[in-house]
């Protein structure tokens, strides 16, 4: 006869995140802080309090785990942009809001850059799965930016989207050595100049 399970213990176990979720959350943080190549599977399992068997049951390989994390990062960015696009504001106001959202993200404690770009920098081979995933996510982001520029009657929506992309990605790269205040100030100045050049007065 098996021992009975205390209600509190059962509730605690039910509330505990599944192994796959714990593994992905732990890996996401470790990869961002220390790098993908520098972080071993053993360390991910230790932090996630999971076994290698659990990890490989959920993710067939380390590349698959990385891919799941990057896709999640991409979805978060797309949801953020969709939220800006769906707000009740004029097209110009939506672009202004996007600038402020970007500055808010940069200012969050512990930021060390765009996780997608950091991952891609570790795998410069354009044929590597990680490199391709990041390129695809960034392409979807650009398409949304082109649409936002078209809605705002930009002179050249494609060029506008590319310029915004360079400014946004460049802000992530300069953040570690310029700091939040200088980076956000420069980003606002650069986007203001772009808006004056590309958007109707």
N, C-alpha and C. Protein backbone atom coordinates (compact mmCIF):
# COMPACT_ATOMS: atom_id res chain seq x y z
N UNK A 1 0.86 -1.20 0.00
CA UNK A 1 0.00 0.00 0.00
C UNK A 1 0.88 1.24 0.00
N UNK A 2 0.66 2.13 -0.94
CA UNK A 2 1.49 3.32 -1.06
C UNK A 2 1.11 4.34 -0.02
N UNK A 3 2.10 5.16 0.36
CA UNK A 3 1.84 6.20 1.34
C UNK A 3 1.00 7.29 0.72
N UNK A 4 0.15 7.91 1.52
CA UNK A 4 -0.69 8.99 1.02
C UNK A 4 0.15 10.24 0.80
N UNK A 5 -0.29 11.07 -0.14
CA UNK A 5 0.41 12.31 -0.46
C UNK A 5 -0.28 13.48 0.22
N UNK A 6 0.48 14.23 0.97
CA UNK A 6 -0.09 15.40 1.64
C UNK A 6 -0.62 16.38 0.59
N UNK A 7 -1.79 17.01 0.83
CA UNK A 7 -2.37 17.97 -0.13
C UNK A 7 -1.41 19.08 -0.51
N UNK A 8 -0.64 19.57 0.50
CA UNK A 8 0.28 20.67 0.20
C UNK A 8 1.37 20.22 -0.76
N UNK A 9 1.90 19.00 -0.58
CA UNK A 9 2.96 18.49 -1.45
C UNK A 9 2.43 18.27 -2.86
N UNK A 10 1.20 17.72 -2.95
CA UNK A 10 0.61 17.49 -4.26
C UNK A 10 0.40 18.80 -5.00
N UNK A 11 -0.11 19.82 -4.29
CA UNK A 11 -0.35 21.13 -4.91
C UNK A 11 0.96 21.75 -5.37
N UNK A 12 2.01 21.62 -4.55
CA UNK A 12 3.31 22.18 -4.90
C UNK A 12 3.85 21.51 -6.16
N UNK A 13 3.69 20.18 -6.25
CA UNK A 13 4.18 19.46 -7.42
C UNK A 13 3.41 19.84 -8.67
N UNK A 14 2.10 20.02 -8.53
CA UNK A 14 1.26 20.38 -9.68
C UNK A 14 1.58 21.78 -10.20
N UNK A 15 1.97 22.67 -9.26
CA UNK A 15 2.27 24.05 -9.65
C UNK A 15 3.68 24.17 -10.27
N UNK A 16 4.52 23.17 -10.02
CA UNK A 16 5.90 23.26 -10.50
C UNK A 16 5.91 23.17 -12.04
N UNK A 17 6.66 24.03 -12.70
CA UNK A 17 6.72 23.99 -14.16
C UNK A 17 7.22 22.63 -14.66
N UNK A 18 6.74 22.20 -15.80
CA UNK A 18 7.18 20.95 -16.40
C UNK A 18 8.67 21.04 -16.71
N UNK A 19 9.31 19.86 -16.80
CA UNK A 19 10.75 19.82 -17.04
C UNK A 19 11.14 20.58 -18.30
N UNK A 20 10.38 20.39 -19.38
CA UNK A 20 10.72 21.05 -20.65
C UNK A 20 10.69 22.57 -20.49
N UNK A 21 9.70 23.06 -19.74
CA UNK A 21 9.59 24.50 -19.52
C UNK A 21 10.75 25.01 -18.68
N UNK A 22 11.08 24.26 -17.63
CA UNK A 22 12.19 24.67 -16.77
C UNK A 22 13.50 24.67 -17.55
N UNK A 23 13.68 23.67 -18.39
CA UNK A 23 14.91 23.57 -19.19
C UNK A 23 15.02 24.75 -20.14
N UNK A 24 13.93 25.07 -20.84
CA UNK A 24 13.97 26.17 -21.81
C UNK A 24 14.21 27.50 -21.10
N UNK A 25 13.58 27.71 -19.97
CA UNK A 25 13.76 28.97 -19.24
C UNK A 25 15.18 29.10 -18.72
N UNK A 26 15.72 28.00 -18.20
CA UNK A 26 17.09 28.04 -17.68
C UNK A 26 18.08 28.26 -18.80
N UNK A 27 17.90 27.56 -19.92
CA UNK A 27 18.81 27.69 -21.06
C UNK A 27 18.75 29.09 -21.64
N UNK A 28 17.56 29.65 -21.70
CA UNK A 28 17.41 31.00 -22.26
C UNK A 28 18.23 32.01 -21.47
N UNK A 29 18.16 31.91 -20.15
CA UNK A 29 18.91 32.84 -19.29
C UNK A 29 20.41 32.58 -19.39
N UNK A 30 20.82 31.32 -19.35
CA UNK A 30 22.24 30.98 -19.41
C UNK A 30 22.85 31.36 -20.75
N UNK A 31 22.16 31.07 -21.83
CA UNK A 31 22.68 31.40 -23.16
C UNK A 31 22.84 32.91 -23.31
N UNK A 32 21.89 33.66 -22.76
CA UNK A 32 21.93 35.12 -22.88
C UNK A 32 23.08 35.70 -22.05
N UNK A 33 23.28 35.16 -20.85
CA UNK A 33 24.30 35.69 -19.95
C UNK A 33 25.71 35.24 -20.32
N UNK A 34 25.85 33.99 -20.73
CA UNK A 34 27.19 33.43 -20.91
C UNK A 34 27.51 32.99 -22.34
N UNK A 35 26.52 32.94 -23.19
CA UNK A 35 26.76 32.51 -24.56
C UNK A 35 26.31 31.07 -24.77
N UNK A 36 25.96 30.75 -26.00
CA UNK A 36 25.47 29.41 -26.32
C UNK A 36 26.60 28.39 -26.29
N UNK A 37 27.70 28.71 -26.96
CA UNK A 37 28.81 27.77 -27.04
C UNK A 37 29.45 27.54 -25.66
N UNK A 38 29.45 28.58 -24.83
CA UNK A 38 30.10 28.48 -23.52
C UNK A 38 29.25 27.75 -22.48
N UNK A 39 27.99 27.51 -22.79
CA UNK A 39 27.09 26.87 -21.84
C UNK A 39 26.84 25.42 -22.24
N UNK A 40 27.22 24.51 -21.38
CA UNK A 40 27.03 23.09 -21.65
C UNK A 40 25.66 22.60 -21.23
N UNK A 41 25.26 21.47 -21.78
CA UNK A 41 23.98 20.86 -21.44
C UNK A 41 23.92 20.50 -19.96
N UNK A 42 25.06 20.08 -19.40
CA UNK A 42 25.08 19.72 -17.99
C UNK A 42 24.70 20.91 -17.11
N UNK A 43 25.19 22.11 -17.47
CA UNK A 43 24.88 23.31 -16.70
C UNK A 43 23.41 23.66 -16.83
N UNK A 44 22.86 23.51 -18.02
CA UNK A 44 21.43 23.78 -18.22
C UNK A 44 20.59 22.86 -17.34
N UNK A 45 20.94 21.57 -17.33
CA UNK A 45 20.20 20.60 -16.52
C UNK A 45 20.33 20.90 -15.03
N UNK A 46 21.50 21.31 -14.61
CA UNK A 46 21.72 21.63 -13.19
C UNK A 46 20.85 22.79 -12.76
N UNK A 47 20.87 23.87 -13.54
CA UNK A 47 20.08 25.05 -13.18
C UNK A 47 18.58 24.76 -13.27
N UNK A 48 18.19 23.94 -14.25
CA UNK A 48 16.76 23.62 -14.43
C UNK A 48 16.29 22.53 -13.49
N UNK A 49 17.23 21.92 -12.75
CA UNK A 49 16.89 20.79 -11.88
C UNK A 49 16.20 19.70 -12.69
N UNK A 50 16.85 19.31 -13.78
CA UNK A 50 16.30 18.30 -14.68
C UNK A 50 17.41 17.34 -15.11
N UNK A 51 17.02 16.22 -15.64
CA UNK A 51 17.99 15.23 -16.11
C UNK A 51 18.25 15.41 -17.60
N UNK A 52 19.37 14.84 -18.06
CA UNK A 52 19.66 14.88 -19.49
C UNK A 52 18.57 14.15 -20.28
N UNK A 53 18.05 13.07 -19.69
CA UNK A 53 16.98 12.33 -20.36
C UNK A 53 15.77 13.22 -20.59
N UNK A 54 15.43 14.04 -19.59
CA UNK A 54 14.30 14.97 -19.74
C UNK A 54 14.58 16.00 -20.82
N UNK A 55 15.81 16.47 -20.85
CA UNK A 55 16.17 17.48 -21.85
C UNK A 55 16.05 16.91 -23.26
N UNK A 56 16.65 15.75 -23.47
CA UNK A 56 16.66 15.20 -24.82
C UNK A 56 15.30 14.62 -25.22
N UNK A 57 14.44 14.38 -24.23
CA UNK A 57 13.07 13.97 -24.56
C UNK A 57 12.30 15.15 -25.12
N UNK A 58 12.58 16.34 -24.60
CA UNK A 58 11.87 17.55 -25.05
C UNK A 58 12.55 18.20 -26.24
N UNK A 59 13.89 18.12 -26.27
CA UNK A 59 14.67 18.77 -27.34
C UNK A 59 15.71 17.75 -27.85
N UNK A 60 15.57 17.28 -29.08
CA UNK A 60 16.45 16.23 -29.61
C UNK A 60 17.94 16.58 -29.59
N UNK A 61 18.24 17.87 -29.59
CA UNK A 61 19.64 18.30 -29.62
C UNK A 61 19.75 19.70 -29.02
N UNK A 62 20.98 20.12 -28.79
CA UNK A 62 21.19 21.48 -28.28
C UNK A 62 20.72 22.49 -29.32
N UNK A 63 20.95 22.20 -30.59
CA UNK A 63 20.47 23.10 -31.66
C UNK A 63 18.96 23.26 -31.61
N UNK A 64 18.25 22.18 -31.30
CA UNK A 64 16.78 22.24 -31.22
C UNK A 64 16.36 23.11 -30.04
N UNK A 65 17.09 23.02 -28.94
CA UNK A 65 16.80 23.85 -27.77
C UNK A 65 17.04 25.32 -28.10
N UNK A 66 18.15 25.60 -28.76
CA UNK A 66 18.46 26.98 -29.18
C UNK A 66 17.37 27.50 -30.10
N UNK A 67 16.94 26.67 -31.05
CA UNK A 67 15.92 27.08 -32.02
C UNK A 67 14.61 27.44 -31.31
N UNK A 68 14.22 26.64 -30.32
CA UNK A 68 12.98 26.91 -29.58
C UNK A 68 13.06 28.25 -28.86
N UNK A 69 14.22 28.53 -28.29
CA UNK A 69 14.41 29.79 -27.56
C UNK A 69 14.37 30.98 -28.51
N UNK A 70 15.05 30.86 -29.64
CA UNK A 70 15.08 31.97 -30.60
C UNK A 70 13.71 32.24 -31.20
N UNK A 71 12.97 31.17 -31.48
CA UNK A 71 11.62 31.35 -32.01
C UNK A 71 10.74 32.06 -30.98
N UNK A 72 10.92 31.72 -29.72
CA UNK A 72 10.17 32.39 -28.65
C UNK A 72 10.54 33.86 -28.57
N UNK A 73 11.84 34.16 -28.67
CA UNK A 73 12.30 35.55 -28.66
C UNK A 73 11.68 36.31 -29.82
N UNK A 74 11.67 35.67 -31.00
CA UNK A 74 11.10 36.31 -32.18
C UNK A 74 9.61 36.57 -32.02
N UNK A 75 8.90 35.62 -31.44
CA UNK A 75 7.46 35.79 -31.23
C UNK A 75 7.18 36.92 -30.25
N UNK A 76 8.03 37.06 -29.25
CA UNK A 76 7.84 38.15 -28.29
C UNK A 76 8.01 39.51 -28.96
N UNK A 77 9.01 39.62 -29.85
CA UNK A 77 9.20 40.87 -30.56
C UNK A 77 8.03 41.15 -31.50
N UNK A 78 7.56 40.12 -32.19
CA UNK A 78 6.43 40.30 -33.10
C UNK A 78 5.17 40.70 -32.34
N UNK A 79 4.94 40.10 -31.19
CA UNK A 79 3.78 40.46 -30.37
C UNK A 79 3.88 41.91 -29.92
N UNK A 80 5.08 42.33 -29.59
CA UNK A 80 5.29 43.72 -29.17
C UNK A 80 4.95 44.67 -30.31
N UNK A 81 5.44 44.36 -31.51
CA UNK A 81 5.15 45.22 -32.66
C UNK A 81 3.67 45.18 -33.02
N UNK A 82 3.06 44.00 -32.91
CA UNK A 82 1.63 43.90 -33.20
C UNK A 82 0.84 44.75 -32.22
N UNK A 83 1.26 44.76 -30.95
CA UNK A 83 0.58 45.56 -29.95
C UNK A 83 0.64 47.04 -30.29
N UNK A 84 1.80 47.50 -30.77
CA UNK A 84 1.95 48.90 -31.17
C UNK A 84 1.07 49.18 -32.38
N UNK A 85 1.06 48.27 -33.35
CA UNK A 85 0.29 48.48 -34.57
C UNK A 85 -1.22 48.51 -34.31
N UNK A 86 -1.66 47.75 -33.30
CA UNK A 86 -3.09 47.63 -33.04
C UNK A 86 -3.63 48.69 -32.08
N UNK A 87 -2.74 49.51 -31.53
CA UNK A 87 -3.22 50.54 -30.60
C UNK A 87 -3.98 51.62 -31.37
N UNK A 88 -4.86 52.30 -30.67
CA UNK A 88 -5.68 53.34 -31.31
C UNK A 88 -4.90 54.64 -31.40
N UNK A 89 -4.10 54.72 -32.42
CA UNK A 89 -3.28 55.92 -32.64
C UNK A 89 -3.08 56.09 -34.15
N UNK A 90 -2.60 57.26 -34.54
CA UNK A 90 -2.32 57.49 -35.95
C UNK A 90 -1.07 56.71 -36.34
N UNK A 91 -0.86 56.45 -37.63
CA UNK A 91 0.35 55.73 -38.06
C UNK A 91 1.64 56.39 -37.58
N UNK A 92 1.69 57.72 -37.60
CA UNK A 92 2.88 58.43 -37.12
C UNK A 92 3.06 58.21 -35.62
N UNK A 93 1.96 58.27 -34.87
CA UNK A 93 2.03 58.06 -33.43
C UNK A 93 2.48 56.64 -33.09
N UNK A 94 2.11 55.69 -33.92
CA UNK A 94 2.52 54.30 -33.69
C UNK A 94 4.04 54.16 -33.84
N UNK A 95 4.59 54.84 -34.82
CA UNK A 95 6.05 54.81 -35.01
C UNK A 95 6.75 55.49 -33.83
N UNK A 96 6.19 56.59 -33.38
CA UNK A 96 6.75 57.26 -32.20
C UNK A 96 6.69 56.34 -30.98
N UNK A 97 5.58 55.61 -30.86
CA UNK A 97 5.43 54.69 -29.74
C UNK A 97 6.45 53.56 -29.83
N UNK A 98 6.71 53.09 -31.04
CA UNK A 98 7.69 52.02 -31.22
C UNK A 98 9.08 52.47 -30.74
N UNK A 99 9.42 53.71 -31.03
CA UNK A 99 10.70 54.27 -30.57
C UNK A 99 10.76 54.24 -29.05
N UNK A 100 9.67 54.65 -28.41
CA UNK A 100 9.66 54.69 -26.94
C UNK A 100 9.68 53.29 -26.34
N UNK A 101 9.01 52.36 -26.98
CA UNK A 101 9.02 50.97 -26.50
C UNK A 101 10.44 50.41 -26.59
N UNK A 102 11.13 50.73 -27.67
CA UNK A 102 12.51 50.29 -27.83
C UNK A 102 13.38 50.87 -26.72
N UNK A 103 13.19 52.14 -26.42
CA UNK A 103 13.98 52.77 -25.36
C UNK A 103 13.67 52.15 -24.00
N UNK A 104 12.41 51.80 -23.78
CA UNK A 104 12.03 51.15 -22.52
C UNK A 104 12.70 49.78 -22.40
N UNK A 105 12.78 49.05 -23.51
CA UNK A 105 13.43 47.74 -23.49
C UNK A 105 14.92 47.87 -23.19
N UNK A 106 15.55 48.85 -23.83
CA UNK A 106 16.98 49.07 -23.61
C UNK A 106 17.27 49.40 -22.15
N UNK A 107 16.34 50.13 -21.53
CA UNK A 107 16.55 50.60 -20.16
C UNK A 107 16.28 49.54 -19.09
N UNK A 108 15.76 48.39 -19.49
CA UNK A 108 15.48 47.35 -18.50
C UNK A 108 16.78 46.83 -17.89
N UNK A 109 16.80 46.60 -16.59
CA UNK A 109 18.02 46.11 -15.92
C UNK A 109 18.50 44.79 -16.50
N UNK A 110 19.81 44.67 -16.59
CA UNK A 110 20.40 43.41 -17.03
C UNK A 110 20.50 43.21 -18.53
N UNK A 111 20.10 44.20 -19.31
CA UNK A 111 20.17 44.04 -20.75
C UNK A 111 21.62 44.05 -21.22
N UNK A 112 21.96 43.15 -22.11
CA UNK A 112 23.31 43.14 -22.69
C UNK A 112 23.27 43.03 -24.21
N UNK A 113 22.09 43.30 -24.79
CA UNK A 113 21.98 43.26 -26.24
C UNK A 113 20.80 42.42 -26.68
N UNK A 114 20.55 42.40 -27.97
CA UNK A 114 19.47 41.60 -28.54
C UNK A 114 19.87 40.12 -28.48
N UNK A 115 19.08 39.26 -27.85
CA UNK A 115 19.44 37.85 -27.75
C UNK A 115 19.57 37.17 -29.10
N UNK A 116 18.78 37.61 -30.07
CA UNK A 116 18.86 37.04 -31.41
C UNK A 116 20.19 37.36 -32.07
N UNK A 117 20.60 38.62 -31.98
CA UNK A 117 21.87 39.03 -32.58
C UNK A 117 23.05 38.40 -31.87
N UNK A 118 22.96 38.27 -30.56
CA UNK A 118 24.04 37.63 -29.80
C UNK A 118 24.19 36.18 -30.25
N UNK A 119 23.06 35.52 -30.45
CA UNK A 119 23.11 34.12 -30.91
C UNK A 119 23.69 34.03 -32.32
N UNK A 120 23.25 34.91 -33.19
CA UNK A 120 23.73 34.86 -34.58
C UNK A 120 25.22 35.14 -34.67
N UNK A 121 25.72 36.01 -33.79
CA UNK A 121 27.14 36.34 -33.82
C UNK A 121 28.01 35.14 -33.47
N UNK A 122 27.45 34.17 -32.74
CA UNK A 122 28.20 32.96 -32.39
C UNK A 122 28.24 31.96 -33.53
N UNK A 123 27.34 32.14 -34.50
CA UNK A 123 27.25 31.20 -35.62
C UNK A 123 27.22 32.00 -36.92
N UNK A 124 28.38 32.52 -37.36
CA UNK A 124 28.43 33.39 -38.54
C UNK A 124 28.15 32.69 -39.87
N UNK A 125 28.22 31.37 -39.90
CA UNK A 125 27.93 30.63 -41.13
C UNK A 125 26.46 30.79 -41.48
N UNK A 126 26.18 31.38 -42.63
CA UNK A 126 24.79 31.66 -43.02
C UNK A 126 23.96 30.40 -43.21
N UNK A 127 24.60 29.25 -43.33
CA UNK A 127 23.87 27.99 -43.49
C UNK A 127 23.54 27.32 -42.16
N UNK A 128 24.09 27.84 -41.07
CA UNK A 128 23.83 27.23 -39.76
C UNK A 128 22.38 27.50 -39.36
N UNK A 129 21.69 26.50 -38.78
CA UNK A 129 20.28 26.68 -38.39
C UNK A 129 20.03 27.91 -37.52
N UNK A 130 20.92 28.16 -36.56
CA UNK A 130 20.75 29.32 -35.69
C UNK A 130 20.79 30.62 -36.49
N UNK A 131 21.76 30.72 -37.39
CA UNK A 131 21.89 31.91 -38.23
C UNK A 131 20.63 32.11 -39.07
N UNK A 132 20.13 31.03 -39.63
CA UNK A 132 18.95 31.11 -40.50
C UNK A 132 17.71 31.54 -39.73
N UNK A 133 17.54 30.99 -38.54
CA UNK A 133 16.36 31.35 -37.74
C UNK A 133 16.35 32.84 -37.43
N UNK A 134 17.50 33.37 -37.03
CA UNK A 134 17.57 34.80 -36.71
C UNK A 134 17.28 35.64 -37.95
N UNK A 135 17.84 35.23 -39.09
CA UNK A 135 17.61 35.97 -40.34
C UNK A 135 16.11 35.98 -40.69
N UNK A 136 15.45 34.85 -40.47
CA UNK A 136 14.01 34.76 -40.78
C UNK A 136 13.19 35.64 -39.84
N UNK A 137 13.55 35.64 -38.56
CA UNK A 137 12.83 36.48 -37.59
C UNK A 137 13.00 37.95 -37.93
N UNK A 138 14.23 38.34 -38.26
CA UNK A 138 14.50 39.74 -38.60
C UNK A 138 13.80 40.14 -39.90
N UNK A 139 13.66 39.19 -40.83
CA UNK A 139 12.96 39.49 -42.08
C UNK A 139 11.48 39.76 -41.81
N UNK A 140 10.89 38.98 -40.90
CA UNK A 140 9.48 39.22 -40.55
C UNK A 140 9.31 40.57 -39.86
N UNK A 141 10.28 40.90 -39.01
CA UNK A 141 10.25 42.20 -38.34
C UNK A 141 10.33 43.33 -39.37
N UNK A 142 11.20 43.19 -40.36
CA UNK A 142 11.34 44.21 -41.41
C UNK A 142 10.02 44.37 -42.17
N UNK A 143 9.36 43.25 -42.49
CA UNK A 143 8.10 43.31 -43.23
C UNK A 143 7.05 44.11 -42.46
N UNK A 144 7.01 43.91 -41.15
CA UNK A 144 6.06 44.68 -40.33
C UNK A 144 6.43 46.17 -40.34
N UNK A 145 7.73 46.44 -40.33
CA UNK A 145 8.18 47.83 -40.33
C UNK A 145 7.85 48.51 -41.66
N UNK A 146 7.99 47.79 -42.75
CA UNK A 146 7.64 48.33 -44.06
C UNK A 146 6.16 48.71 -44.08
N UNK A 147 5.31 47.83 -43.54
CA UNK A 147 3.88 48.10 -43.51
C UNK A 147 3.56 49.32 -42.67
N UNK A 148 4.24 49.44 -41.52
CA UNK A 148 4.02 50.61 -40.67
C UNK A 148 4.44 51.89 -41.40
N UNK A 149 5.53 51.82 -42.15
CA UNK A 149 6.01 52.99 -42.89
C UNK A 149 5.04 53.35 -44.02
N UNK A 150 4.51 52.33 -44.69
CA UNK A 150 3.51 52.58 -45.73
C UNK A 150 2.28 53.26 -45.16
N UNK A 151 1.82 52.75 -44.01
CA UNK A 151 0.64 53.34 -43.37
C UNK A 151 0.87 54.80 -42.99
N UNK A 152 2.13 55.13 -42.69
CA UNK A 152 2.48 56.51 -42.30
C UNK A 152 2.86 57.37 -43.50
N UNK A 153 2.69 56.83 -44.72
CA UNK A 153 2.98 57.56 -45.97
C UNK A 153 4.45 57.97 -46.08
N UNK A 154 5.35 57.07 -45.70
CA UNK A 154 6.78 57.34 -45.85
C UNK A 154 7.13 57.46 -47.33
N UNK A 155 8.12 58.29 -47.65
CA UNK A 155 8.54 58.47 -49.04
C UNK A 155 9.00 57.14 -49.64
N UNK A 156 9.80 56.40 -48.90
CA UNK A 156 10.34 55.12 -49.34
C UNK A 156 10.22 54.13 -48.18
N UNK A 157 9.09 53.43 -48.10
CA UNK A 157 8.86 52.53 -46.96
C UNK A 157 9.95 51.49 -46.74
N UNK A 158 10.49 50.93 -47.83
CA UNK A 158 11.53 49.91 -47.69
C UNK A 158 12.80 50.51 -47.10
N UNK A 159 13.19 51.69 -47.59
CA UNK A 159 14.38 52.35 -47.07
C UNK A 159 14.16 52.78 -45.63
N UNK A 160 12.94 53.23 -45.33
CA UNK A 160 12.60 53.62 -43.96
C UNK A 160 12.77 52.43 -43.03
N UNK A 161 12.23 51.27 -43.43
CA UNK A 161 12.31 50.06 -42.60
C UNK A 161 13.76 49.63 -42.39
N UNK A 162 14.58 49.73 -43.44
CA UNK A 162 15.99 49.36 -43.31
C UNK A 162 16.72 50.30 -42.36
N UNK A 163 16.43 51.59 -42.48
CA UNK A 163 17.08 52.57 -41.60
C UNK A 163 16.68 52.34 -40.15
N UNK A 164 15.39 52.09 -39.92
CA UNK A 164 14.93 51.81 -38.56
C UNK A 164 15.59 50.54 -38.02
N UNK A 165 15.72 49.54 -38.89
CA UNK A 165 16.35 48.30 -38.47
C UNK A 165 17.79 48.51 -38.04
N UNK A 166 18.52 49.28 -38.83
CA UNK A 166 19.92 49.57 -38.50
C UNK A 166 20.01 50.32 -37.17
N UNK A 167 19.11 51.29 -36.98
CA UNK A 167 19.13 52.07 -35.74
C UNK A 167 18.79 51.20 -34.52
N UNK A 168 17.81 50.33 -34.68
CA UNK A 168 17.39 49.48 -33.56
C UNK A 168 18.48 48.46 -33.22
N UNK A 169 18.99 47.76 -34.25
CA UNK A 169 20.03 46.75 -33.99
C UNK A 169 21.32 47.42 -33.51
N UNK A 170 21.61 48.59 -34.08
CA UNK A 170 22.81 49.30 -33.65
C UNK A 170 22.73 49.74 -32.20
N UNK A 171 21.53 50.07 -31.76
CA UNK A 171 21.35 50.46 -30.36
C UNK A 171 21.67 49.30 -29.43
N UNK A 172 21.27 48.11 -29.81
CA UNK A 172 21.58 46.93 -28.98
C UNK A 172 23.09 46.71 -28.90
N UNK A 173 23.77 46.89 -30.02
CA UNK A 173 25.21 46.65 -30.05
C UNK A 173 25.98 47.69 -29.24
N UNK A 174 25.52 48.94 -29.25
CA UNK A 174 26.25 50.00 -28.55
C UNK A 174 25.90 50.07 -27.07
N UNK A 175 24.78 49.49 -26.67
CA UNK A 175 24.33 49.56 -25.28
C UNK A 175 25.40 49.13 -24.27
N UNK A 176 26.11 48.01 -24.48
CA UNK A 176 27.08 47.57 -23.47
C UNK A 176 28.18 48.57 -23.16
N UNK A 177 28.61 49.36 -24.16
CA UNK A 177 29.70 50.30 -23.88
C UNK A 177 29.26 51.75 -23.82
N UNK A 178 28.08 52.08 -24.36
CA UNK A 178 27.59 53.45 -24.27
C UNK A 178 26.69 53.68 -23.07
N UNK A 179 26.04 52.61 -22.62
CA UNK A 179 25.12 52.75 -21.51
C UNK A 179 23.73 53.18 -21.97
N UNK A 180 22.78 53.09 -21.04
CA UNK A 180 21.38 53.35 -21.39
C UNK A 180 21.14 54.79 -21.81
N UNK A 181 21.61 55.75 -21.04
CA UNK A 181 21.30 57.16 -21.30
C UNK A 181 21.80 57.61 -22.67
N UNK A 182 23.07 57.33 -22.97
CA UNK A 182 23.63 57.76 -24.26
C UNK A 182 22.98 57.01 -25.42
N UNK A 183 22.72 55.73 -25.24
CA UNK A 183 22.14 54.93 -26.31
C UNK A 183 20.73 55.39 -26.66
N UNK A 184 19.89 55.58 -25.65
CA UNK A 184 18.52 55.99 -25.91
C UNK A 184 18.47 57.42 -26.47
N UNK A 185 19.34 58.29 -26.00
CA UNK A 185 19.38 59.66 -26.53
C UNK A 185 19.76 59.65 -28.00
N UNK A 186 20.79 58.89 -28.35
CA UNK A 186 21.24 58.82 -29.75
C UNK A 186 20.17 58.17 -30.62
N UNK A 187 19.50 57.15 -30.10
CA UNK A 187 18.45 56.47 -30.87
C UNK A 187 17.30 57.42 -31.17
N UNK A 188 16.88 58.20 -30.17
CA UNK A 188 15.80 59.16 -30.39
C UNK A 188 16.20 60.23 -31.40
N UNK A 189 17.44 60.71 -31.31
CA UNK A 189 17.91 61.73 -32.26
C UNK A 189 17.93 61.18 -33.69
N UNK A 190 18.43 59.97 -33.84
CA UNK A 190 18.54 59.38 -35.17
C UNK A 190 17.16 59.11 -35.77
N UNK A 191 16.24 58.58 -34.97
CA UNK A 191 14.90 58.31 -35.50
C UNK A 191 14.15 59.60 -35.80
N UNK A 192 14.37 60.64 -35.01
CA UNK A 192 13.72 61.93 -35.28
C UNK A 192 14.16 62.47 -36.63
N UNK A 193 15.44 62.34 -36.94
CA UNK A 193 15.96 62.80 -38.23
C UNK A 193 15.35 61.98 -39.37
N UNK A 194 15.24 60.68 -39.17
CA UNK A 194 14.63 59.82 -40.20
C UNK A 194 13.18 60.20 -40.43
N UNK A 195 12.44 60.43 -39.34
CA UNK A 195 11.03 60.79 -39.47
C UNK A 195 10.86 62.12 -40.22
N UNK A 196 11.72 63.09 -39.92
CA UNK A 196 11.63 64.38 -40.60
C UNK A 196 11.90 64.22 -42.10
N UNK A 197 12.82 63.35 -42.44
CA UNK A 197 13.19 63.16 -43.84
C UNK A 197 12.16 62.35 -44.61
N UNK A 198 11.57 61.35 -43.96
CA UNK A 198 10.75 60.37 -44.67
C UNK A 198 9.25 60.56 -44.53
N UNK A 199 8.79 61.16 -43.45
CA UNK A 199 7.36 61.22 -43.19
C UNK A 199 6.78 62.60 -43.49
N UNK A 200 5.51 62.68 -43.83
CA UNK A 200 4.88 63.98 -44.09
C UNK A 200 4.98 64.90 -42.87
N UNK A 201 5.07 66.16 -43.12
CA UNK A 201 5.18 67.12 -42.00
C UNK A 201 3.91 67.10 -41.17
